[in-house]
N, C-alpha and C. Protein backbone atom coordinates (compact mmCIF):
# COMPACT_ATOMS: atom_id res chain seq x y z
N MET A 1 6.86 18.57 -25.90
CA MET A 1 5.70 18.09 -26.15
C MET A 1 4.46 18.67 -25.24
N LYS A 2 3.22 18.98 -25.79
CA LYS A 2 2.09 19.05 -25.29
C LYS A 2 1.87 18.06 -23.94
N ALA A 3 1.48 18.49 -22.71
CA ALA A 3 1.16 17.90 -21.82
C ALA A 3 -0.43 17.60 -21.82
N VAL A 4 -0.32 16.21 -21.49
CA VAL A 4 -1.42 15.36 -21.71
C VAL A 4 -2.49 15.76 -20.88
N ALA A 5 -2.24 16.49 -19.75
CA ALA A 5 -3.47 17.04 -19.39
C ALA A 5 -3.39 17.99 -18.73
N PRO A 6 -4.54 19.33 -18.72
CA PRO A 6 -3.97 20.50 -18.27
C PRO A 6 -4.19 20.70 -16.36
N ARG A 7 -3.89 21.69 -16.10
CA ARG A 7 -3.72 21.87 -14.35
C ARG A 7 -5.39 21.47 -14.18
N GLY A 8 -5.64 20.78 -12.91
CA GLY A 8 -6.73 19.96 -12.52
C GLY A 8 -7.55 19.04 -13.16
N ALA A 9 -6.62 18.62 -14.21
CA ALA A 9 -7.63 17.46 -15.16
C ALA A 9 -7.44 15.84 -14.45
N THR A 10 -6.35 15.91 -13.12
CA THR A 10 -6.20 14.75 -12.67
C THR A 10 -7.30 14.00 -11.77
N THR A 11 -8.04 12.88 -11.98
CA THR A 11 -8.29 12.26 -10.97
C THR A 11 -7.63 11.92 -9.67
N LEU A 12 -7.94 12.33 -8.86
CA LEU A 12 -7.01 12.14 -7.15
C LEU A 12 -8.06 10.97 -6.93
N LEU A 13 -7.68 9.67 -6.15
CA LEU A 13 -8.00 8.65 -5.75
C LEU A 13 -7.60 8.71 -4.30
N VAL A 14 -8.05 8.29 -3.19
CA VAL A 14 -7.77 7.93 -1.71
C VAL A 14 -8.25 6.49 -2.02
N ILE A 15 -7.65 5.58 -1.38
CA ILE A 15 -8.34 4.33 -0.97
C ILE A 15 -8.09 4.26 0.72
N ALA A 16 -9.14 3.73 0.99
CA ALA A 16 -8.81 3.86 2.95
C ALA A 16 -9.95 2.77 3.46
N LYS A 17 -9.93 2.72 4.73
CA LYS A 17 -10.90 2.03 5.13
C LYS A 17 -11.74 2.66 6.33
N GLU A 18 -13.05 2.51 6.79
CA GLU A 18 -13.42 3.25 7.57
C GLU A 18 -13.28 2.77 9.07
N PRO A 19 -12.52 3.88 9.71
CA PRO A 19 -11.94 4.01 10.95
C PRO A 19 -12.32 3.48 12.33
N LEU A 20 -12.70 2.25 12.06
CA LEU A 20 -13.27 1.41 13.02
C LEU A 20 -12.54 1.10 13.89
N PRO A 21 -13.06 0.59 15.08
CA PRO A 21 -11.93 0.09 16.13
C PRO A 21 -11.72 -1.60 15.77
N GLY A 22 -10.42 -1.91 15.69
CA GLY A 22 -10.41 -4.03 15.36
C GLY A 22 -10.29 -3.71 14.15
N ARG A 23 -10.78 -2.99 13.04
CA ARG A 23 -10.55 -2.65 11.78
C ARG A 23 -9.73 -2.54 10.82
N VAL A 24 -8.98 -1.54 11.72
CA VAL A 24 -8.00 -0.46 11.40
C VAL A 24 -6.55 -0.54 11.83
N LYS A 25 -5.69 -0.55 11.26
CA LYS A 25 -4.39 -0.03 12.35
C LYS A 25 -4.14 -1.01 13.64
N THR A 26 -4.42 -2.16 12.99
CA THR A 26 -4.34 -3.62 14.12
C THR A 26 -2.49 -3.72 14.62
N ARG A 27 -2.19 -3.34 13.80
CA ARG A 27 -0.51 -3.50 14.03
C ARG A 27 -0.05 -2.27 15.02
N LEU A 28 -0.90 -1.30 15.56
CA LEU A 28 -0.35 -0.09 16.62
C LEU A 28 -0.84 -1.11 17.82
N THR A 29 -1.66 -1.82 17.86
CA THR A 29 -2.36 -2.59 19.11
C THR A 29 -1.59 -4.01 18.95
N PRO A 30 -0.53 -3.81 20.92
CA PRO A 30 -0.32 -2.67 21.06
C PRO A 30 0.74 -2.05 20.75
N PRO A 31 1.19 -0.53 21.61
CA PRO A 31 0.89 -0.28 22.90
C PRO A 31 -0.59 0.62 22.70
N PHE A 32 -1.11 0.99 21.71
CA PHE A 32 -2.47 1.38 21.41
C PHE A 32 -3.85 0.69 21.64
N SER A 33 -4.58 0.78 22.28
CA SER A 33 -6.09 0.30 22.31
C SER A 33 -6.53 0.40 20.82
N PRO A 34 -7.40 -0.65 20.52
CA PRO A 34 -8.05 -0.70 19.39
C PRO A 34 -8.85 1.02 18.84
N GLN A 35 -9.61 1.34 19.78
CA GLN A 35 -9.89 2.63 20.18
C GLN A 35 -9.23 3.75 19.41
N GLN A 36 -8.00 3.86 20.11
CA GLN A 36 -6.79 4.53 20.20
C GLN A 36 -6.44 4.42 18.60
N ALA A 37 -6.52 3.20 18.42
CA ALA A 37 -5.22 3.03 16.87
C ALA A 37 -6.87 3.23 16.18
N ALA A 38 -7.97 3.13 16.19
CA ALA A 38 -9.04 4.14 14.92
C ALA A 38 -8.98 5.37 15.51
N ARG A 39 -8.62 6.20 15.96
CA ARG A 39 -8.71 7.16 16.04
C ARG A 39 -7.56 8.00 15.72
N LEU A 40 -6.24 7.42 16.03
CA LEU A 40 -5.20 7.69 15.03
C LEU A 40 -5.45 7.94 13.27
N ALA A 41 -6.00 6.50 13.21
CA ALA A 41 -6.68 5.99 11.83
C ALA A 41 -7.28 7.35 11.26
N GLU A 42 -8.24 7.69 12.06
CA GLU A 42 -9.34 8.43 11.55
C GLU A 42 -8.39 10.23 11.16
N ALA A 43 -7.71 10.36 12.19
CA ALA A 43 -6.93 11.82 12.15
C ALA A 43 -6.12 11.79 10.84
N SER A 44 -5.34 10.84 10.52
CA SER A 44 -4.70 10.56 9.54
C SER A 44 -5.19 10.46 8.12
N LEU A 45 -6.81 9.76 7.90
CA LEU A 45 -7.37 9.78 7.01
C LEU A 45 -8.19 11.32 6.66
N ALA A 46 -8.49 11.68 7.84
CA ALA A 46 -8.86 13.45 7.58
C ALA A 46 -8.26 14.34 6.71
N ASP A 47 -6.15 14.36 7.50
CA ASP A 47 -5.66 14.99 7.32
C ASP A 47 -5.16 14.41 5.47
N THR A 48 -5.27 13.73 4.83
CA THR A 48 -5.03 13.14 3.87
C THR A 48 -6.01 13.54 2.97
N LEU A 49 -7.46 13.76 3.10
CA LEU A 49 -8.66 14.12 2.36
C LEU A 49 -8.38 15.48 2.24
N ASP A 50 -7.97 16.48 3.24
CA ASP A 50 -7.72 17.93 3.24
C ASP A 50 -6.91 18.45 2.78
N THR A 51 -5.78 17.74 2.58
CA THR A 51 -4.86 17.93 1.51
C THR A 51 -5.26 17.58 0.00
N VAL A 52 -5.80 16.79 -0.23
CA VAL A 52 -6.48 16.67 -1.40
C VAL A 52 -7.48 17.67 -1.88
N LEU A 53 -8.55 17.98 -0.80
CA LEU A 53 -9.27 19.20 -1.32
C LEU A 53 -8.38 20.47 -1.98
N ARG A 54 -6.99 20.47 -1.16
CA ARG A 54 -6.44 21.53 -1.48
C ARG A 54 -6.01 21.24 -2.82
N VAL A 55 -6.00 20.49 -3.83
CA VAL A 55 -4.71 20.14 -4.39
C VAL A 55 -5.75 20.18 -6.08
N PRO A 56 -5.40 20.61 -7.21
CA PRO A 56 -6.21 20.46 -8.46
C PRO A 56 -6.56 19.64 -8.83
N ALA A 57 -7.90 19.15 -8.95
CA ALA A 57 -8.50 17.74 -9.45
C ALA A 57 -9.41 18.18 -10.35
N ALA A 58 -9.54 17.09 -11.64
CA ALA A 58 -10.74 17.31 -11.96
C ALA A 58 -12.41 16.36 -11.18
N ARG A 59 -11.69 15.06 -10.39
CA ARG A 59 -12.05 14.37 -9.42
C ARG A 59 -11.58 13.92 -8.35
N ARG A 60 -12.19 14.08 -7.36
CA ARG A 60 -11.63 13.46 -6.29
C ARG A 60 -12.56 12.35 -5.80
N VAL A 61 -11.84 11.09 -5.32
CA VAL A 61 -13.00 9.85 -5.30
C VAL A 61 -11.94 9.45 -3.97
N LEU A 62 -12.79 8.87 -3.18
CA LEU A 62 -12.41 8.20 -1.93
C LEU A 62 -13.06 6.69 -2.49
N VAL A 63 -12.08 5.78 -2.51
CA VAL A 63 -12.47 4.22 -2.52
C VAL A 63 -12.05 3.67 -1.41
N LEU A 64 -13.48 3.63 -0.94
CA LEU A 64 -13.98 3.01 0.72
C LEU A 64 -14.03 1.74 1.02
N GLU A 65 -13.71 1.16 1.86
CA GLU A 65 -14.06 -0.03 2.47
C GLU A 65 -14.91 0.13 3.58
N GLY A 66 -16.25 0.43 3.65
CA GLY A 66 -17.03 0.90 4.81
C GLY A 66 -17.80 1.47 4.37
N ARG A 67 -18.24 2.74 5.48
CA ARG A 67 -19.20 3.81 5.25
C ARG A 67 -18.77 4.98 5.85
N PRO A 68 -18.90 6.07 4.79
CA PRO A 68 -18.49 7.25 5.32
C PRO A 68 -19.14 7.75 6.41
N GLY A 69 -18.12 8.79 7.20
CA GLY A 69 -18.41 8.56 8.86
C GLY A 69 -18.29 10.39 8.59
N PRO A 70 -18.53 11.04 9.46
CA PRO A 70 -18.20 12.90 9.88
C PRO A 70 -16.98 13.41 9.27
N TRP A 71 -16.25 12.28 9.31
CA TRP A 71 -14.47 12.54 8.83
C TRP A 71 -14.53 13.37 7.65
N LEU A 72 -16.06 12.74 6.50
CA LEU A 72 -15.77 13.34 4.77
C LEU A 72 -16.08 14.39 4.72
N PRO A 73 -15.48 15.21 4.28
CA PRO A 73 -15.69 16.71 4.08
C PRO A 73 -16.52 16.50 2.45
N PRO A 74 -17.36 17.57 2.06
CA PRO A 74 -17.68 17.58 0.99
C PRO A 74 -16.66 17.81 0.28
N GLY A 75 -16.97 17.07 -1.42
CA GLY A 75 -16.04 17.35 -2.54
C GLY A 75 -15.86 16.37 -3.24
N PHE A 76 -16.07 14.86 -2.47
CA PHE A 76 -15.61 13.77 -2.71
C PHE A 76 -16.98 12.62 -3.24
N GLU A 77 -16.46 12.19 -4.37
CA GLU A 77 -17.38 10.88 -4.89
C GLU A 77 -16.85 9.89 -3.80
N VAL A 78 -17.91 9.29 -3.39
CA VAL A 78 -17.59 7.94 -2.53
C VAL A 78 -17.98 6.34 -3.51
N VAL A 79 -16.90 5.50 -3.91
CA VAL A 79 -17.00 4.50 -4.25
C VAL A 79 -16.58 3.32 -3.52
N PRO A 80 -17.51 2.24 -3.55
CA PRO A 80 -17.06 1.02 -2.58
C PRO A 80 -15.34 0.21 -3.14
N GLN A 81 -14.89 -0.18 -2.27
CA GLN A 81 -13.67 -0.81 -3.17
C GLN A 81 -14.11 -2.05 -3.12
N ALA A 82 -13.57 -2.73 -4.11
CA ALA A 82 -13.95 -4.10 -5.24
C ALA A 82 -12.97 -5.42 -3.93
N THR A 83 -13.86 -6.12 -4.24
CA THR A 83 -13.40 -7.38 -3.73
C THR A 83 -11.83 -8.17 -3.71
N GLY A 84 -11.48 -8.83 -3.12
CA GLY A 84 -9.91 -9.16 -3.65
C GLY A 84 -8.99 -8.61 -2.80
N GLY A 85 -7.68 -9.08 -3.07
CA GLY A 85 -6.51 -8.68 -2.32
C GLY A 85 -6.30 -7.24 -2.89
N LEU A 86 -5.02 -6.38 -2.16
CA LEU A 86 -5.32 -5.22 -2.26
C LEU A 86 -5.07 -4.71 -3.66
N ASP A 87 -4.12 -5.51 -4.41
CA ASP A 87 -3.77 -5.04 -5.91
C ASP A 87 -5.33 -5.25 -6.92
N GLU A 88 -6.24 -6.32 -6.42
CA GLU A 88 -7.04 -6.41 -7.07
C GLU A 88 -8.27 -4.96 -6.83
N ARG A 89 -7.94 -4.67 -5.35
CA ARG A 89 -8.74 -3.17 -5.49
C ARG A 89 -8.38 -1.77 -5.90
N ILE A 90 -6.84 -1.85 -5.60
CA ILE A 90 -6.16 -0.52 -6.40
C ILE A 90 -6.59 -0.34 -7.84
N ALA A 91 -6.36 -2.03 -8.51
CA ALA A 91 -6.68 -1.90 -9.95
C ALA A 91 -8.15 -1.44 -10.21
N ALA A 92 -9.22 -1.84 -9.54
CA ALA A 92 -10.33 -1.65 -9.90
C ALA A 92 -10.62 -0.36 -9.62
N ALA A 93 -9.93 0.58 -8.87
CA ALA A 93 -10.09 2.05 -8.29
C ALA A 93 -9.35 2.70 -9.56
N PHE A 94 -8.41 2.29 -10.38
CA PHE A 94 -7.92 3.03 -11.84
C PHE A 94 -8.72 2.53 -13.30
N ALA A 95 -9.36 1.22 -12.74
CA ALA A 95 -10.42 0.97 -13.98
C ALA A 95 -11.36 2.03 -14.11
N GLY A 96 -11.58 2.72 -13.16
CA GLY A 96 -12.80 3.61 -12.87
C GLY A 96 -12.26 5.17 -13.26
N CYS A 97 -11.04 5.25 -13.85
CA CYS A 97 -10.31 6.34 -14.61
C CYS A 97 -10.61 6.39 -16.12
N ALA A 98 -10.60 7.47 -16.20
CA ALA A 98 -10.64 7.60 -18.39
C ALA A 98 -9.66 8.74 -18.49
N GLY A 99 -8.81 8.98 -17.60
CA GLY A 99 -8.12 9.86 -17.88
C GLY A 99 -6.66 10.13 -17.14
N PRO A 100 -5.71 10.87 -16.89
CA PRO A 100 -4.85 10.92 -15.86
C PRO A 100 -5.26 10.57 -14.44
N ALA A 101 -4.84 9.91 -13.49
CA ALA A 101 -5.08 9.39 -12.25
C ALA A 101 -3.94 8.94 -11.17
N LEU A 102 -3.90 9.69 -10.13
CA LEU A 102 -3.15 9.32 -9.10
C LEU A 102 -3.83 8.89 -7.65
N LEU A 103 -3.32 7.97 -7.08
CA LEU A 103 -3.83 7.43 -5.96
C LEU A 103 -3.12 6.94 -4.97
N ILE A 104 -3.36 7.64 -3.57
CA ILE A 104 -2.64 7.89 -2.31
C ILE A 104 -3.34 7.09 -1.56
N GLY A 105 -2.71 6.73 -0.30
CA GLY A 105 -3.45 6.19 0.80
C GLY A 105 -3.70 6.83 1.79
N MET A 106 -4.17 5.89 2.96
CA MET A 106 -4.75 7.00 4.06
C MET A 106 -3.38 7.00 5.48
N ASP A 107 -2.43 6.39 4.96
CA ASP A 107 -1.43 6.38 6.31
C ASP A 107 -0.28 6.96 6.08
N THR A 108 -0.29 8.34 5.13
CA THR A 108 0.43 9.42 4.95
C THR A 108 0.17 10.51 5.45
N PRO A 109 -0.40 11.07 6.55
CA PRO A 109 -1.36 12.38 6.96
C PRO A 109 0.04 13.21 7.04
N GLN A 110 1.32 13.32 6.58
CA GLN A 110 2.26 14.16 6.41
C GLN A 110 2.35 14.93 5.13
N VAL A 111 1.46 14.02 4.29
CA VAL A 111 1.58 14.70 3.02
C VAL A 111 0.83 15.78 2.57
N THR A 112 1.22 16.75 1.50
CA THR A 112 0.80 18.21 1.93
C THR A 112 0.94 17.94 0.10
N PRO A 113 -0.19 19.48 -0.34
CA PRO A 113 -0.29 19.87 -1.64
C PRO A 113 1.21 20.29 -2.31
N ALA A 114 2.13 20.45 -1.78
CA ALA A 114 3.18 20.83 -2.33
C ALA A 114 3.82 19.05 -2.83
N LEU A 115 3.78 18.09 -1.61
CA LEU A 115 4.48 16.82 -1.87
C LEU A 115 3.78 16.18 -3.20
N LEU A 116 2.35 16.81 -3.32
CA LEU A 116 1.94 16.59 -4.72
C LEU A 116 1.94 16.87 -5.87
N ALA A 117 2.43 18.14 -5.99
CA ALA A 117 2.62 19.32 -6.77
C ALA A 117 3.04 18.41 -7.81
N PRO A 118 4.25 18.16 -7.77
CA PRO A 118 5.21 17.55 -9.47
C PRO A 118 4.07 16.42 -10.00
N ALA A 119 3.34 15.76 -9.56
CA ALA A 119 2.12 15.14 -10.34
C ALA A 119 0.87 16.04 -10.76
N THR A 120 0.48 16.11 -10.42
CA THR A 120 -0.61 17.45 -10.09
C THR A 120 -0.86 18.81 -10.40
N GLY A 121 0.61 19.43 -10.73
CA GLY A 121 0.73 20.66 -11.23
C GLY A 121 0.45 20.88 -12.74
N PRO A 122 0.73 21.47 -13.68
CA PRO A 122 1.16 21.96 -14.74
C PRO A 122 2.17 21.01 -15.16
N GLY A 123 2.00 20.65 -16.40
CA GLY A 123 2.77 19.65 -17.04
C GLY A 123 3.08 18.27 -16.26
N GLY A 124 2.31 17.81 -15.13
CA GLY A 124 2.57 16.41 -14.66
C GLY A 124 2.36 15.49 -15.00
N TRP A 125 1.77 15.42 -16.77
CA TRP A 125 1.58 14.47 -16.99
C TRP A 125 1.79 14.70 -18.95
N PRO A 126 3.76 14.79 -18.94
CA PRO A 126 3.90 15.26 -20.12
C PRO A 126 3.77 14.57 -21.87
N THR A 127 3.27 12.87 -21.35
CA THR A 127 3.06 12.18 -22.37
C THR A 127 2.14 10.96 -22.25
N PRO A 128 1.37 10.27 -22.65
CA PRO A 128 0.85 9.95 -22.38
C PRO A 128 1.19 7.99 -21.63
N CYS A 129 2.88 8.47 -21.45
CA CYS A 129 3.42 7.08 -20.53
C CYS A 129 4.09 7.52 -19.69
N THR A 130 3.51 8.56 -19.57
CA THR A 130 3.88 9.27 -17.84
C THR A 130 3.23 8.49 -16.38
N ALA A 131 3.88 7.74 -15.97
CA ALA A 131 3.75 7.47 -14.27
C ALA A 131 4.60 8.10 -13.47
N TRP A 132 3.81 8.01 -12.35
CA TRP A 132 4.20 8.44 -10.93
C TRP A 132 4.45 7.39 -10.10
N ILE A 133 5.29 7.73 -9.37
CA ILE A 133 4.90 6.13 -7.69
C ILE A 133 6.02 7.14 -6.44
N GLY A 134 5.12 7.02 -5.56
CA GLY A 134 5.97 7.35 -4.47
C GLY A 134 6.48 6.59 -3.37
N LEU A 135 7.38 5.91 -3.34
CA LEU A 135 7.77 4.58 -2.46
C LEU A 135 7.62 5.24 -0.76
N ALA A 136 7.62 4.19 -0.06
CA ALA A 136 7.17 4.38 1.37
C ALA A 136 8.51 3.82 1.94
N GLU A 137 9.32 3.65 2.80
CA GLU A 137 10.47 3.59 3.87
C GLU A 137 10.07 2.51 3.74
N ASP A 138 8.71 1.41 4.38
CA ASP A 138 9.30 0.53 4.62
C ASP A 138 9.19 -0.77 3.47
N GLY A 139 9.12 -0.19 2.19
CA GLY A 139 9.10 -0.96 1.13
C GLY A 139 8.22 -0.94 0.17
N GLY A 140 6.75 -0.30 0.58
CA GLY A 140 5.76 -0.36 0.12
C GLY A 140 5.75 1.11 -1.00
N PHE A 141 4.70 1.45 -1.03
CA PHE A 141 4.25 2.91 -1.72
C PHE A 141 3.48 3.43 -1.40
N TRP A 142 3.25 4.51 -1.44
CA TRP A 142 2.56 5.25 -0.98
C TRP A 142 1.38 6.31 -1.98
N ALA A 143 1.89 6.16 -3.18
CA ALA A 143 1.34 7.13 -4.04
C ALA A 143 1.42 6.35 -5.53
N LEU A 144 0.52 6.10 -6.32
CA LEU A 144 0.96 5.69 -7.63
C LEU A 144 0.09 6.25 -8.53
N GLY A 145 0.44 6.79 -10.02
CA GLY A 145 -0.40 7.52 -10.80
C GLY A 145 -0.10 7.00 -12.38
N MET A 146 -0.92 7.01 -13.11
CA MET A 146 -0.52 6.84 -14.39
C MET A 146 -1.24 7.63 -15.09
N ALA A 147 -0.44 8.13 -16.66
CA ALA A 147 -1.48 8.85 -17.33
C ALA A 147 -2.55 8.41 -18.01
N ARG A 148 -2.35 6.87 -18.44
CA ARG A 148 -3.47 6.28 -18.75
C ARG A 148 -3.70 4.90 -18.01
N PRO A 149 -4.57 4.77 -16.93
CA PRO A 149 -4.59 4.00 -16.37
C PRO A 149 -4.57 2.61 -17.00
N ASP A 150 -3.56 1.44 -16.18
CA ASP A 150 -4.10 0.25 -16.73
C ASP A 150 -3.53 -0.62 -15.24
N PRO A 151 -5.15 -1.15 -15.44
CA PRO A 151 -5.47 -2.02 -13.97
C PRO A 151 -4.59 -3.26 -13.92
N ALA A 152 -4.25 -3.35 -15.36
CA ALA A 152 -2.89 -4.99 -15.59
C ALA A 152 -1.61 -4.43 -14.70
N LEU A 153 -1.33 -3.31 -15.06
CA LEU A 153 0.09 -2.94 -14.18
C LEU A 153 0.09 -3.22 -12.84
N VAL A 154 -1.37 -3.39 -12.12
CA VAL A 154 -1.27 -3.28 -10.81
C VAL A 154 -1.65 -4.82 -10.17
N ARG A 155 -2.63 -5.28 -11.32
CA ARG A 155 -2.60 -6.40 -10.82
C ARG A 155 -1.58 -8.00 -10.70
N GLY A 156 -1.25 -8.60 -9.32
CA GLY A 156 -0.63 -9.55 -9.26
C GLY A 156 0.54 -9.11 -8.94
N VAL A 157 0.82 -7.85 -8.38
CA VAL A 157 1.90 -7.15 -7.53
C VAL A 157 1.69 -7.64 -5.99
N PRO A 158 2.82 -8.10 -5.22
CA PRO A 158 2.16 -8.31 -4.47
C PRO A 158 2.63 -7.35 -3.24
N MET A 159 1.40 -7.23 -2.31
CA MET A 159 1.12 -6.26 -1.74
C MET A 159 1.33 -6.34 -0.23
N SER A 160 1.58 -5.17 0.67
CA SER A 160 1.91 -5.83 2.00
C SER A 160 2.98 -6.46 1.97
N THR A 161 4.54 -6.03 1.42
CA THR A 161 5.61 -6.79 1.54
C THR A 161 6.74 -5.83 1.85
N SER A 162 8.25 -6.19 1.94
CA SER A 162 9.16 -5.05 1.88
C SER A 162 9.29 -5.08 0.47
N VAL A 163 8.99 -5.73 -0.79
CA VAL A 163 9.73 -5.24 -1.84
C VAL A 163 8.25 -4.96 -2.90
N THR A 164 7.27 -4.57 -1.88
CA THR A 164 6.24 -3.98 -3.12
C THR A 164 6.29 -2.78 -4.05
N GLY A 165 6.94 -1.78 -3.20
CA GLY A 165 7.33 -0.70 -4.21
C GLY A 165 8.35 -1.09 -5.22
N ARG A 166 8.87 -1.91 -5.07
CA ARG A 166 10.02 -1.87 -5.83
C ARG A 166 9.35 -3.18 -7.17
N GLU A 167 8.43 -3.98 -6.82
CA GLU A 167 8.07 -4.56 -7.53
C GLU A 167 6.77 -3.86 -8.74
N GLN A 168 6.07 -2.70 -7.96
CA GLN A 168 5.24 -1.91 -8.65
C GLN A 168 6.34 -1.05 -9.82
N LEU A 169 7.31 -0.61 -9.22
CA LEU A 169 8.16 -0.10 -10.11
C LEU A 169 8.72 -0.65 -11.11
N ARG A 170 9.07 -1.69 -10.84
CA ARG A 170 9.77 -2.52 -12.02
C ARG A 170 7.94 -3.49 -13.21
N ARG A 171 7.20 -3.12 -12.64
CA ARG A 171 6.11 -3.60 -13.70
C ARG A 171 5.93 -2.21 -14.57
N LEU A 172 5.60 -1.01 -13.78
CA LEU A 172 5.88 0.44 -14.98
C LEU A 172 6.97 0.53 -15.53
N THR A 173 8.41 0.00 -15.44
CA THR A 173 8.98 0.38 -15.92
C THR A 173 9.38 -0.66 -17.16
N GLY A 174 8.76 -1.66 -17.05
CA GLY A 174 8.66 -3.08 -17.75
C GLY A 174 7.69 -3.25 -19.09
N ALA A 175 6.89 -2.16 -18.56
CA ALA A 175 5.45 -1.87 -19.65
C ALA A 175 6.21 -0.28 -20.52
N GLY A 176 7.17 -0.01 -20.02
CA GLY A 176 7.99 0.84 -21.09
C GLY A 176 7.19 2.54 -21.05
N LEU A 177 7.11 2.70 -19.55
CA LEU A 177 6.43 4.03 -19.29
C LEU A 177 7.76 4.78 -18.50
N ASP A 178 7.25 6.10 -18.77
CA ASP A 178 8.20 6.90 -18.27
C ASP A 178 7.73 7.32 -16.60
N VAL A 179 8.50 6.59 -15.60
CA VAL A 179 8.15 6.73 -14.11
C VAL A 179 8.79 7.97 -13.62
N HIS A 180 8.34 8.48 -13.09
CA HIS A 180 9.15 9.78 -12.29
C HIS A 180 8.91 9.54 -10.86
N ARG A 181 9.54 9.96 -9.91
CA ARG A 181 9.16 9.56 -8.48
C ARG A 181 9.01 10.76 -7.82
N LEU A 182 7.95 10.79 -6.69
CA LEU A 182 7.31 11.35 -5.74
C LEU A 182 8.28 11.00 -4.44
N PRO A 183 8.30 12.58 -3.74
CA PRO A 183 9.62 11.66 -2.67
C PRO A 183 9.09 10.55 -1.69
N GLU A 184 9.68 10.23 -0.99
CA GLU A 184 10.08 8.91 -0.09
C GLU A 184 9.42 9.03 0.88
N LEU A 185 8.01 8.35 1.90
CA LEU A 185 7.58 8.93 3.08
C LEU A 185 7.32 7.90 4.22
N ARG A 186 7.03 8.36 4.91
CA ARG A 186 6.75 6.99 5.96
C ARG A 186 5.33 7.17 6.44
N ASP A 187 4.96 5.59 5.88
CA ASP A 187 3.57 4.78 6.07
C ASP A 187 3.46 4.82 8.01
N MET A 188 2.16 5.64 8.02
CA MET A 188 2.00 4.87 9.50
C MET A 188 1.34 3.50 10.17
N ASP A 189 2.06 2.48 10.12
CA ASP A 189 2.05 1.27 10.37
C ASP A 189 2.16 1.06 11.59
N THR A 190 3.41 1.47 12.67
CA THR A 190 3.51 0.91 13.90
C THR A 190 3.59 2.36 14.76
N ALA A 191 3.60 1.89 16.17
CA ALA A 191 3.67 3.02 17.22
C ALA A 191 4.78 3.70 17.19
N GLN A 192 5.82 3.20 16.66
CA GLN A 192 6.97 4.39 16.42
C GLN A 192 6.62 5.14 15.08
N ASP A 193 6.26 4.38 14.22
CA ASP A 193 5.70 5.60 12.62
C ASP A 193 4.89 6.34 13.13
N ALA A 194 3.93 6.15 14.12
CA ALA A 194 2.95 7.44 14.44
C ALA A 194 3.85 8.22 15.38
N ALA A 195 4.60 8.15 15.90
CA ALA A 195 5.53 9.05 16.68
C ALA A 195 6.33 9.74 16.08
N VAL A 196 6.90 9.48 14.91
CA VAL A 196 7.63 9.89 13.91
C VAL A 196 6.74 11.18 13.17
N ILE A 197 6.37 10.39 12.39
CA ILE A 197 5.06 11.31 11.71
C ILE A 197 4.41 12.08 12.68
N ALA A 198 3.75 12.20 13.61
CA ALA A 198 3.49 13.16 14.43
C ALA A 198 4.01 14.37 14.72
N ARG A 199 5.34 14.06 14.68
CA ARG A 199 6.51 15.73 14.96
C ARG A 199 6.60 15.51 13.59
N ILE A 200 6.47 15.30 12.44
CA ILE A 200 6.49 15.83 10.92
C ILE A 200 5.11 16.70 10.39
N ALA A 201 4.39 16.28 10.90
CA ALA A 201 3.16 16.16 10.19
C ALA A 201 2.22 18.00 10.72
N VAL A 202 3.08 18.76 11.49
CA VAL A 202 2.70 19.78 12.52
C VAL A 202 1.49 20.61 11.68
N GLY A 203 0.62 20.86 12.97
CA GLY A 203 -0.41 21.82 12.42
C GLY A 203 -1.53 21.19 11.73
N ARG A 204 -1.20 19.70 12.06
CA ARG A 204 -2.38 18.56 11.18
C ARG A 204 -3.24 18.24 12.39
N ARG A 205 -4.22 17.49 11.70
CA ARG A 205 -5.09 16.73 13.22
C ARG A 205 -4.19 15.60 14.03
N PHE A 206 -3.12 15.31 12.96
CA PHE A 206 -2.75 13.92 13.68
C PHE A 206 -1.26 13.79 14.73
N PRO A 207 -1.27 15.00 14.89
CA PRO A 207 0.12 15.09 15.64
C PRO A 207 -0.89 15.28 17.29
N ALA A 208 -2.14 15.76 16.99
CA ALA A 208 -3.14 16.39 18.41
C ALA A 208 -3.53 15.05 18.63
N ALA A 209 -4.14 14.37 17.50
CA ALA A 209 -4.42 12.97 18.29
C ALA A 209 -3.54 12.22 18.50
N HIS A 210 -2.08 11.85 18.17
CA HIS A 210 -1.34 11.49 18.99
C HIS A 210 -0.79 12.11 19.92
N ALA A 211 -0.99 13.23 20.62
CA ALA A 211 -0.76 13.63 21.88
C ALA A 211 -1.71 13.09 22.81
N GLY A 212 -3.13 13.10 22.28
CA GLY A 212 -4.23 12.49 23.12
C GLY A 212 -4.03 11.02 23.53
N THR A 213 -3.65 10.25 22.45
CA THR A 213 -4.04 9.04 23.02
C THR A 213 -2.43 8.40 23.81
N ARG A 214 -1.37 8.99 23.12
CA ARG A 214 0.01 8.44 23.73
C ARG A 214 -0.14 8.16 24.95
N GLU A 215 -0.83 9.40 26.07
CA GLU A 215 -0.65 9.08 27.59
C GLU A 215 -1.48 7.73 28.04
N GLY A 216 -2.42 7.71 27.05
CA GLY A 216 -3.09 6.62 27.41
C GLY A 216 -3.03 4.87 27.13
N ALA A 217 -1.86 4.77 26.25
CA ALA A 217 -1.35 4.10 25.67
C ALA A 217 -0.83 2.66 26.41
N THR A 218 -1.20 1.68 25.89
CA THR A 218 -0.87 0.66 27.37
C THR A 218 0.64 -0.16 27.17
N THR A 219 1.07 -0.30 27.98
CA THR A 219 2.70 -0.93 27.55
C THR A 219 2.83 -2.09 28.23
């Protein structure tokens, strides 16, 4: 069957918060200070945006809570996040997409173009019923995509729980979608997560930021 969208026809969405001390990655404090946690969040976001720039796309959209900063490279549309819970904000992001769309978060700086390639490369959307999900080790999901974005398939999914990914997957399959899996990744939520990801994300901003904050972390 002919693919729904040719190479580069996907809308890539990054949902993120402005990396401000006390507003992001609060589970990192302690051992990190709010300023250190914000620096780690900024590095994570910058690495994620850099990866998205290296992936074929029709549009690259930053769905942002807050204001853009010097960490934002050219090449992105910026739209504000909707109000409400995370499910409502993700649903609203998909509502602004007319064709295949893949959404990722800002907490996986280890993501690479190769990890996204199954969904963003040729044949990533073989039918209008295609969906993609990347589950996270903590039970959530780090990536979600639909050939025909349907906000209703996200609304009401309990977010930030140990069953979020499983419930989102159930919602997609229950709607009759053909769900494909991206690799499972670890979200950067705790100090232990940050340490593990820093060892994985070789050559990125995040390991350098982590090395710079680790020595000053409180105990």
